[in-house]
Amino acid sequence: MLIKTRGIVLSYLKYRESSIIARVYTEQRGVQSYLVNGVRRAKPPGRIALFQPLTLLDLVAYVPRQGGSLTRLAEFRCAEQFRSLPYDVRKSSVALFLSEVLSKSVREEEENVSLFRFLHDSILAFDQQDVGVENFALLFLLHLTDYLGFGLRSGAELTDQVAMAGPVVGSGFSSGPATLRLREFEQYFDELLHAPATASIPNGQVRRELLAVLMRYYQLHVEGLGEIKSLEVLSEVLSS
């Protein structure tokens, strides 16, 4: 049986000489893994580019058999031509980071129309965005919490939970000053939640710390989230 669905690429693994196993968040069936043959061959060129992080695809896919988790794509094509996301190092770094977070936090193999629409529309808006690119990851992750079941209503709600859980690993905090520093961040998180257009994050260092705190909050709520390896790369990009 075949289905037609839209999809958002999360990641892929190389498979044999020229194929990949792609992990895709689909509109109709949630997270799916697809074996895609031949996309790493030199000809036709460019097909592997369709499986870069957060690429939007139109798919015709085989439905996996009962109990199966891996199936194949019968057809695939670019659904939306990006204007800037693959070509801007800041945006592509954000895309890599967010795709890793999504891969580890969104796991359901079932339809979720509201989540798919949020992801799809956010990615398109980010591609078109020229101002405020540096804050997009923070805003995206804050709003994603609503769809994952641990949504936030205030900065204090976030910082209280993180403070109770202990210091933020990899943020540069020590266990003593961490709580005081977290309190300073309440205002920034409130602005991002309720008035993002006027959020006054002063510099890249503060942005990096806010991102580390937010990822700690995710670790408290997403079982097995673990380390996000691309966070360090993104932090370096956003600090400039």
C-alpha atoms as a PDB file:
ATOM      1  CA  MET A   1       0.000   0.000   0.000  1.00  0.00           C
ATOM      2  CA  LEU A   2       1.198   3.527  -0.862  1.00  0.00           C
ATOM      3  CA  ILE A   3       0.394   6.833   0.809  1.00  0.00           C
ATOM      4  CA  LYS A   4       1.019  10.413  -0.254  1.00  0.00           C
ATOM      5  CA  THR A   5       2.189  12.689   2.523  1.00  0.00           C
ATOM      6  CA  ARG A   6       4.282  15.729   3.258  1.00  0.00           C
ATOM      7  CA  GLY A   7       7.438  15.243   5.284  1.00  0.00           C
ATOM      8  CA  ILE A   8      10.161  17.118   7.160  1.00  0.00           C
ATOM      9  CA  VAL A   9      13.638  15.610   7.085  1.00  0.00           C
ATOM     10  CA  LEU A  10      15.157  15.117  10.533  1.00  0.00           C
ATOM     11  CA  SER A  11      18.339  13.195   9.738  1.00  0.00           C
ATOM     12  CA  TYR A  12      19.839  10.411   7.682  1.00  0.00           C
ATOM     13  CA  LEU A  13      22.424   7.646   7.968  1.00  0.00           C
ATOM     14  CA  LYS A  14      24.571   6.387   5.125  1.00  0.00           C
ATOM     15  CA  TYR A  15      23.612   2.880   4.034  1.00  0.00           C
ATOM     16  CA  ARG A  16      25.857   0.763   1.845  1.00  0.00           C
ATOM     17  CA  GLU A  17      27.599   2.495  -1.049  1.00  0.00           C
ATOM     18  CA  SER A  18      24.981   4.889  -2.379  1.00  0.00           C
ATOM     19  CA  SER A  19      21.861   4.717  -0.216  1.00  0.00           C
ATOM     20  CA  ILE A  20      20.623   6.265   3.041  1.00  0.00           C
ATOM     21  CA  ILE A  21      18.159   5.572   5.800  1.00  0.00           C
ATOM     22  CA  ALA A  22      16.251   8.805   6.276  1.00  0.00           C
ATOM     23  CA  ARG A  23      14.331   9.743   9.394  1.00  0.00           C
ATOM     24  CA  VAL A  24      11.371  11.921   8.422  1.00  0.00           C
ATOM     25  CA  TYR A  25       8.520  13.508  10.346  1.00  0.00           C
ATOM     26  CA  THR A  26       5.480  12.940   8.152  1.00  0.00           C
ATOM     27  CA  GLU A  27       2.111  14.639   8.177  1.00  0.00           C
ATOM     28  CA  GLN A  28       0.118  11.410   8.114  1.00  0.00           C
ATOM     29  CA  ARG A  29       2.197   8.929  10.101  1.00  0.00           C
ATOM     30  CA  GLY A  30       4.487  10.890  12.425  1.00  0.00           C
ATOM     31  CA  VAL A  31       8.121   9.789  12.586  1.00  0.00           C
ATOM     32  CA  GLN A  32       9.069   7.275   9.898  1.00  0.00           C
ATOM     33  CA  SER A  33      12.340   5.754   8.703  1.00  0.00           C
ATOM     34  CA  TYR A  34      12.785   5.225   4.970  1.00  0.00           C
ATOM     35  CA  LEU A  35      15.380   3.372   2.944  1.00  0.00           C
ATOM     36  CA  VAL A  36      16.239   5.609  -0.014  1.00  0.00           C
ATOM     37  CA  ASN A  37      18.298   3.948  -2.710  1.00  0.00           C
ATOM     38  CA  GLY A  38      20.910   5.574  -4.909  1.00  0.00           C
ATOM     39  CA  VAL A  39      20.762   9.168  -3.653  1.00  0.00           C
ATOM     40  CA  ARG A  40      24.505   9.308  -2.949  1.00  0.00           C
ATOM     41  CA  ARG A  41      25.501   8.471  -6.508  1.00  0.00           C
ATOM     42  CA  ALA A  42      27.162  11.163  -8.613  1.00  0.00           C
ATOM     43  CA  LYS A  43      24.342  10.945 -11.171  1.00  0.00           C
ATOM     44  CA  PRO A  44      21.754  12.346 -11.049  1.00  0.00           C
ATOM     45  CA  PRO A  45      23.490  15.038  -8.941  1.00  0.00           C
ATOM     46  CA  GLY A  46      21.981  16.880  -6.011  1.00  0.00           C
ATOM     47  CA  ARG A  47      19.482  14.267  -4.808  1.00  0.00           C
ATOM     48  CA  ILE A  48      21.173  13.912  -1.415  1.00  0.00           C
ATOM     49  CA  ALA A  49      20.547  17.639  -0.878  1.00  0.00           C
ATOM     50  CA  LEU A  50      16.865  16.779  -0.518  1.00  0.00           C
ATOM     51  CA  PHE A  51      17.670  15.027   2.762  1.00  0.00           C
ATOM     52  CA  GLN A  52      19.480  17.854   4.546  1.00  0.00           C
ATOM     53  CA  PRO A  53      18.036  18.865   7.955  1.00  0.00           C
ATOM     54  CA  LEU A  54      14.514  20.349   7.876  1.00  0.00           C
ATOM     55  CA  THR A  55      14.056  20.008   4.107  1.00  0.00           C
ATOM     56  CA  LEU A  56      10.344  19.922   3.226  1.00  0.00           C
ATOM     57  CA  LEU A  57       9.354  17.050   0.948  1.00  0.00           C
ATOM     58  CA  ASP A  58       6.359  15.632  -0.879  1.00  0.00           C
ATOM     59  CA  LEU A  59       6.489  11.854  -0.531  1.00  0.00           C
ATOM     60  CA  VAL A  60       4.897   8.739  -1.921  1.00  0.00           C
ATOM     61  CA  ALA A  61       5.784   6.058   0.591  1.00  0.00           C
ATOM     62  CA  TYR A  62       5.154   2.397   1.163  1.00  0.00           C
ATOM     63  CA  VAL A  63       3.331   1.660   4.403  1.00  0.00           C
ATOM     64  CA  PRO A  64       5.414  -0.653   6.599  1.00  0.00           C
ATOM     65  CA  ARG A  65       4.093  -4.088   7.371  1.00  0.00           C
ATOM     66  CA  GLN A  66       2.642  -4.882  10.767  1.00  0.00           C
ATOM     67  CA  GLY A  67       5.448  -4.582  13.302  1.00  0.00           C
ATOM     68  CA  GLY A  68       7.899  -3.209  10.729  1.00  0.00           C
ATOM     69  CA  SER A  69       9.705   0.083  11.213  1.00  0.00           C
ATOM     70  CA  LEU A  70      11.630   0.530   7.950  1.00  0.00           C
ATOM     71  CA  THR A  71      10.087   0.965   4.529  1.00  0.00           C
ATOM     72  CA  ARG A  72      10.877   2.603   1.192  1.00  0.00           C
ATOM     73  CA  LEU A  73      10.013   5.747  -0.702  1.00  0.00           C
ATOM     74  CA  ALA A  74       8.406   5.245  -4.097  1.00  0.00           C
ATOM     75  CA  GLU A  75       8.727   8.944  -4.962  1.00  0.00           C
ATOM     76  CA  PHE A  76      10.085  12.083  -3.332  1.00  0.00           C
ATOM     77  CA  ARG A  77      10.513  15.692  -4.381  1.00  0.00           C
ATOM     78  CA  CYS A  78      11.168  19.096  -2.852  1.00  0.00           C
ATOM     79  CA  ALA A  79       7.909  20.603  -1.631  1.00  0.00           C
ATOM     80  CA  GLU A  80       9.220  24.119  -0.929  1.00  0.00           C
ATOM     81  CA  GLN A  81      12.295  25.704  -2.490  1.00  0.00           C
ATOM     82  CA  PHE A  82      14.295  27.409   0.260  1.00  0.00           C
ATOM     83  CA  ARG A  83      15.567  30.928  -0.342  1.00  0.00           C
ATOM     84  CA  SER A  84      18.295  31.115   2.313  1.00  0.00           C
ATOM     85  CA  LEU A  85      18.271  28.280   4.846  1.00  0.00           C
ATOM     86  CA  PRO A  86      20.839  25.970   3.181  1.00  0.00           C
ATOM     87  CA  TYR A  87      23.123  28.861   2.175  1.00  0.00           C
ATOM     88  CA  ASP A  88      23.328  30.960   5.363  1.00  0.00           C
ATOM     89  CA  VAL A  89      25.752  29.421   7.882  1.00  0.00           C
ATOM     90  CA  ARG A  90      23.762  30.776  10.820  1.00  0.00           C
ATOM     91  CA  LYS A  91      20.504  29.320   9.552  1.00  0.00           C
ATOM     92  CA  SER A  92      21.982  25.988   8.517  1.00  0.00           C
ATOM     93  CA  SER A  93      23.574  25.650  11.976  1.00  0.00           C
ATOM     94  CA  VAL A  94      20.200  26.331  13.586  1.00  0.00           C
ATOM     95  CA  ALA A  95      18.572  23.761  11.272  1.00  0.00           C
ATOM     96  CA  LEU A  96      21.147  21.113  12.224  1.00  0.00           C
ATOM     97  CA  PHE A  97      20.624  21.776  15.921  1.00  0.00           C
ATOM     98  CA  LEU A  98      16.816  21.792  15.763  1.00  0.00           C
ATOM     99  CA  SER A  99      16.702  18.651  13.651  1.00  0.00           C
ATOM    100  CA  GLU A 100      18.768  16.850  16.301  1.00  0.00           C
ATOM    101  CA  VAL A 101      16.475  18.054  19.090  1.00  0.00           C
ATOM    102  CA  LEU A 102      13.398  16.998  17.107  1.00  0.00           C
ATOM    103  CA  SER A 103      14.900  13.590  16.331  1.00  0.00           C
ATOM    104  CA  LYS A 104      15.356  12.925  20.046  1.00  0.00           C
ATOM    105  CA  SER A 105      12.159  14.483  21.381  1.00  0.00           C
ATOM    106  CA  VAL A 106       9.494  13.716  18.738  1.00  0.00           C
ATOM    107  CA  ARG A 107       9.050   9.956  18.491  1.00  0.00           C
ATOM    108  CA  GLU A 108       5.382   9.186  17.880  1.00  0.00           C
ATOM    109  CA  GLU A 109       4.561   7.182  14.754  1.00  0.00           C
ATOM    110  CA  GLU A 110       1.105   8.664  14.375  1.00  0.00           C
ATOM    111  CA  GLU A 111      -0.600  11.676  12.847  1.00  0.00           C
ATOM    112  CA  ASN A 112      -0.364  14.979  14.705  1.00  0.00           C
ATOM    113  CA  VAL A 113      -1.694  17.673  12.401  1.00  0.00           C
ATOM    114  CA  SER A 114      -1.106  20.611  14.738  1.00  0.00           C
ATOM    115  CA  LEU A 115       2.532  19.666  15.402  1.00  0.00           C
ATOM    116  CA  PHE A 116       3.251  19.116  11.720  1.00  0.00           C
ATOM    117  CA  ARG A 117       1.696  22.464  10.836  1.00  0.00           C
ATOM    118  CA  PHE A 118       3.755  24.229  13.524  1.00  0.00           C
ATOM    119  CA  LEU A 119       6.995  22.669  12.278  1.00  0.00           C
ATOM    120  CA  HIS A 120       6.225  23.236   8.589  1.00  0.00           C
ATOM    121  CA  ASP A 121       5.154  26.862   8.987  1.00  0.00           C
ATOM    122  CA  SER A 122       8.017  27.696  11.373  1.00  0.00           C
ATOM    123  CA  ILE A 123      10.614  26.331   8.955  1.00  0.00           C
ATOM    124  CA  LEU A 124       9.175  28.294   6.032  1.00  0.00           C
ATOM    125  CA  ALA A 125       9.054  31.485   8.103  1.00  0.00           C
ATOM    126  CA  PHE A 126      12.652  30.974   9.218  1.00  0.00           C
ATOM    127  CA  ASP A 127      13.805  30.592   5.638  1.00  0.00           C
ATOM    128  CA  GLN A 128      12.238  33.967   4.809  1.00  0.00           C
ATOM    129  CA  GLN A 129      13.398  35.689   7.992  1.00  0.00           C
ATOM    130  CA  ASP A 130      16.038  38.404   7.731  1.00  0.00           C
ATOM    131  CA  VAL A 131      15.857  40.022  11.182  1.00  0.00           C
ATOM    132  CA  GLY A 132      16.133  38.222  14.520  1.00  0.00           C
ATOM    133  CA  VAL A 133      17.642  35.028  13.098  1.00  0.00           C
ATOM    134  CA  GLU A 134      19.855  34.665  16.180  1.00  0.00           C
ATOM    135  CA  ASN A 135      16.800  34.228  18.442  1.00  0.00           C
ATOM    136  CA  PHE A 136      14.904  31.741  16.274  1.00  0.00           C
ATOM    137  CA  ALA A 137      16.146  28.563  18.013  1.00  0.00           C
ATOM    138  CA  LEU A 138      15.099  29.908  21.413  1.00  0.00           C
ATOM    139  CA  LEU A 139      11.660  30.936  20.179  1.00  0.00           C
ATOM    140  CA  PHE A 140      11.109  27.678  18.311  1.00  0.00           C
ATOM    141  CA  LEU A 141      12.022  25.511  21.298  1.00  0.00           C
ATOM    142  CA  LEU A 142       9.922  27.559  23.704  1.00  0.00           C
ATOM    143  CA  HIS A 143       6.829  27.156  21.524  1.00  0.00           C
ATOM    144  CA  LEU A 144       7.574  23.506  20.740  1.00  0.00           C
ATOM    145  CA  THR A 145       7.080  22.736  24.449  1.00  0.00           C
ATOM    146  CA  ASP A 146       3.339  23.336  23.972  1.00  0.00           C
ATOM    147  CA  TYR A 147       3.160  20.512  21.421  1.00  0.00           C
ATOM    148  CA  LEU A 148       5.295  18.131  23.493  1.00  0.00           C
ATOM    149  CA  GLY A 149       3.145  18.424  26.602  1.00  0.00           C
ATOM    150  CA  PHE A 150       5.301  20.569  28.897  1.00  0.00           C
ATOM    151  CA  GLY A 151       4.434  24.066  27.716  1.00  0.00           C
ATOM    152  CA  LEU A 152       5.543  27.173  29.559  1.00  0.00           C
ATOM    153  CA  ARG A 153       3.599  30.230  30.642  1.00  0.00           C
ATOM    154  CA  SER A 154       6.391  32.252  32.258  1.00  0.00           C
ATOM    155  CA  GLY A 155      10.130  32.540  32.594  1.00  0.00           C
ATOM    156  CA  ALA A 156       9.841  31.868  36.316  1.00  0.00           C
ATOM    157  CA  GLU A 157       8.195  28.509  35.633  1.00  0.00           C
ATOM    158  CA  LEU A 158      11.181  27.484  33.512  1.00  0.00           C
ATOM    159  CA  THR A 159      13.936  28.786  35.775  1.00  0.00           C
ATOM    160  CA  ASP A 160      12.327  27.395  38.934  1.00  0.00           C
ATOM    161  CA  GLN A 161      12.349  23.873  37.527  1.00  0.00           C
ATOM    162  CA  VAL A 162      15.913  24.151  36.236  1.00  0.00           C
ATOM    163  CA  ALA A 163      17.141  25.624  39.528  1.00  0.00           C
ATOM    164  CA  MET A 164      15.605  22.733  41.486  1.00  0.00           C
ATOM    165  CA  ALA A 165      17.283  20.228  39.156  1.00  0.00           C
ATOM    166  CA  GLY A 166      20.794  21.580  39.756  1.00  0.00           C
ATOM    167  CA  PRO A 167      23.430  23.394  37.685  1.00  0.00           C
ATOM    168  CA  VAL A 168      23.275  23.526  33.915  1.00  0.00           C
ATOM    169  CA  VAL A 169      25.966  21.258  32.516  1.00  0.00           C
ATOM    170  CA  GLY A 170      28.222  22.892  29.954  1.00  0.00           C
ATOM    171  CA  SER A 171      26.876  26.391  30.503  1.00  0.00           C
ATOM    172  CA  GLY A 172      29.809  27.763  32.450  1.00  0.00           C
ATOM    173  CA  PHE A 173      27.734  28.006  35.646  1.00  0.00           C
ATOM    174  CA  SER A 174      29.057  26.802  38.975  1.00  0.00           C
ATOM    175  CA  SER A 175      26.574  25.384  41.437  1.00  0.00           C
ATOM    176  CA  GLY A 176      26.653  28.545  43.578  1.00  0.00           C
ATOM    177  CA  PRO A 177      25.959  31.444  41.196  1.00  0.00           C
ATOM    178  CA  ALA A 178      23.730  29.345  38.945  1.00  0.00           C
ATOM    179  CA  THR A 179      20.489  30.089  40.800  1.00  0.00           C
ATOM    180  CA  LEU A 180      21.135  33.838  40.914  1.00  0.00           C
ATOM    181  CA  ARG A 181      22.004  33.854  37.224  1.00  0.00           C
ATOM    182  CA  LEU A 182      18.865  31.896  36.422  1.00  0.00           C
ATOM    183  CA  ARG A 183      16.770  34.555  38.137  1.00  0.00           C
ATOM    184  CA  GLU A 184      18.278  37.162  35.832  1.00  0.00           C
ATOM    185  CA  PHE A 185      17.110  35.083  32.871  1.00  0.00           C
ATOM    186  CA  GLU A 186      13.428  35.106  33.854  1.00  0.00           C
ATOM    187  CA  GLN A 187      12.914  38.459  32.134  1.00  0.00           C
ATOM    188  CA  TYR A 188      14.496  37.285  28.892  1.00  0.00           C
ATOM    189  CA  PHE A 189      12.381  34.143  28.779  1.00  0.00           C
ATOM    190  CA  ASP A 190       9.244  36.176  29.528  1.00  0.00           C
ATOM    191  CA  GLU A 191      10.041  38.511  26.640  1.00  0.00           C
ATOM    192  CA  LEU A 192      10.647  35.593  24.267  1.00  0.00           C
ATOM    193  CA  LEU A 193       7.376  33.975  25.319  1.00  0.00           C
ATOM    194  CA  HIS A 194       5.144  37.020  25.285  1.00  0.00           C
ATOM    195  CA  ALA A 195       6.824  39.803  23.289  1.00  0.00           C
ATOM    196  CA  PRO A 196       9.389  38.192  20.970  1.00  0.00           C
ATOM    197  CA  ALA A 197       9.519  41.124  18.549  1.00  0.00           C
ATOM    198  CA  THR A 198      10.953  43.354  21.281  1.00  0.00           C
ATOM    199  CA  ALA A 199      13.064  40.780  23.162  1.00  0.00           C
ATOM    200  CA  SER A 200      16.193  42.519  24.448  1.00  0.00           C
ATOM    201  CA  ILE A 201      18.812  39.776  24.682  1.00  0.00           C
ATOM    202  CA  PRO A 202      22.005  41.853  25.002  1.00  0.00           C
ATOM    203  CA  ASN A 203      24.663  39.632  23.410  1.00  0.00           C
ATOM    204  CA  GLY A 204      25.698  36.231  22.150  1.00  0.00           C
ATOM    205  CA  GLN A 205      27.002  35.050  25.521  1.00  0.00           C
ATOM    206  CA  VAL A 206      23.628  35.559  27.185  1.00  0.00           C
ATOM    207  CA  ARG A 207      21.943  33.865  24.228  1.00  0.00           C
ATOM    208  CA  ARG A 208      24.203  30.836  24.646  1.00  0.00           C
ATOM    209  CA  GLU A 209      23.381  30.609  28.343  1.00  0.00           C
ATOM    210  CA  LEU A 210      19.654  30.907  27.681  1.00  0.00           C
ATOM    211  CA  LEU A 211      19.902  28.085  25.173  1.00  0.00           C
ATOM    212  CA  ALA A 212      21.788  25.896  27.680  1.00  0.00           C
ATOM    213  CA  VAL A 213      19.121  26.551  30.319  1.00  0.00           C
ATOM    214  CA  LEU A 214      16.327  25.756  27.889  1.00  0.00           C
ATOM    215  CA  MET A 215      17.981  22.496  26.850  1.00  0.00           C
ATOM    216  CA  ARG A 216      18.298  21.581  30.531  1.00  0.00           C
ATOM    217  CA  TYR A 217      14.544  22.116  30.819  1.00  0.00           C
ATOM    218  CA  TYR A 218      14.040  19.759  27.863  1.00  0.00           C
ATOM    219  CA  GLN A 219      16.235  17.141  29.518  1.00  0.00           C
ATOM    220  CA  LEU A 220      13.960  17.259  32.557  1.00  0.00           C
ATOM    221  CA  HIS A 221      10.893  16.488  30.464  1.00  0.00           C
ATOM    222  CA  VAL A 222      12.065  14.322  27.547  1.00  0.00           C
ATOM    223  CA  GLU A 223      13.179  10.910  28.714  1.00  0.00           C
ATOM    224  CA  GLY A 224      16.501   9.878  27.235  1.00  0.00           C
ATOM    225  CA  LEU A 225      17.121  13.183  25.480  1.00  0.00           C
ATOM    226  CA  GLY A 226      20.784  13.120  26.460  1.00  0.00           C
ATOM    227  CA  GLU A 227      23.434  15.397  25.014  1.00  0.00           C
ATOM    228  CA  ILE A 228      22.670  17.470  21.924  1.00  0.00           C
ATOM    229  CA  LYS A 229      25.969  17.290  20.069  1.00  0.00           C
ATOM    230  CA  SER A 230      25.259  20.169  17.690  1.00  0.00           C
ATOM    231  CA  LEU A 231      24.576  22.598  20.572  1.00  0.00           C
ATOM    232  CA  GLU A 232      28.245  23.519  20.866  1.00  0.00           C
ATOM    233  CA  VAL A 233      28.483  24.353  17.152  1.00  0.00           C
ATOM    234  CA  LEU A 234      25.330  26.466  17.312  1.00  0.00           C
ATOM    235  CA  SER A 235      26.556  28.251  20.431  1.00  0.00           C
ATOM    236  CA  GLU A 236      29.759  29.260  18.635  1.00  0.00           C
ATOM    237  CA  VAL A 237      27.799  30.563  15.643  1.00  0.00           C
ATOM    238  CA  LEU A 238      25.368  32.532  17.804  1.00  0.00           C
ATOM    239  CA  SER A 239      28.114  34.039  19.961  1.00  0.00           C
ATOM    240  CA  SER A 240      29.518  36.058  17.072  1.00  0.00           C
END
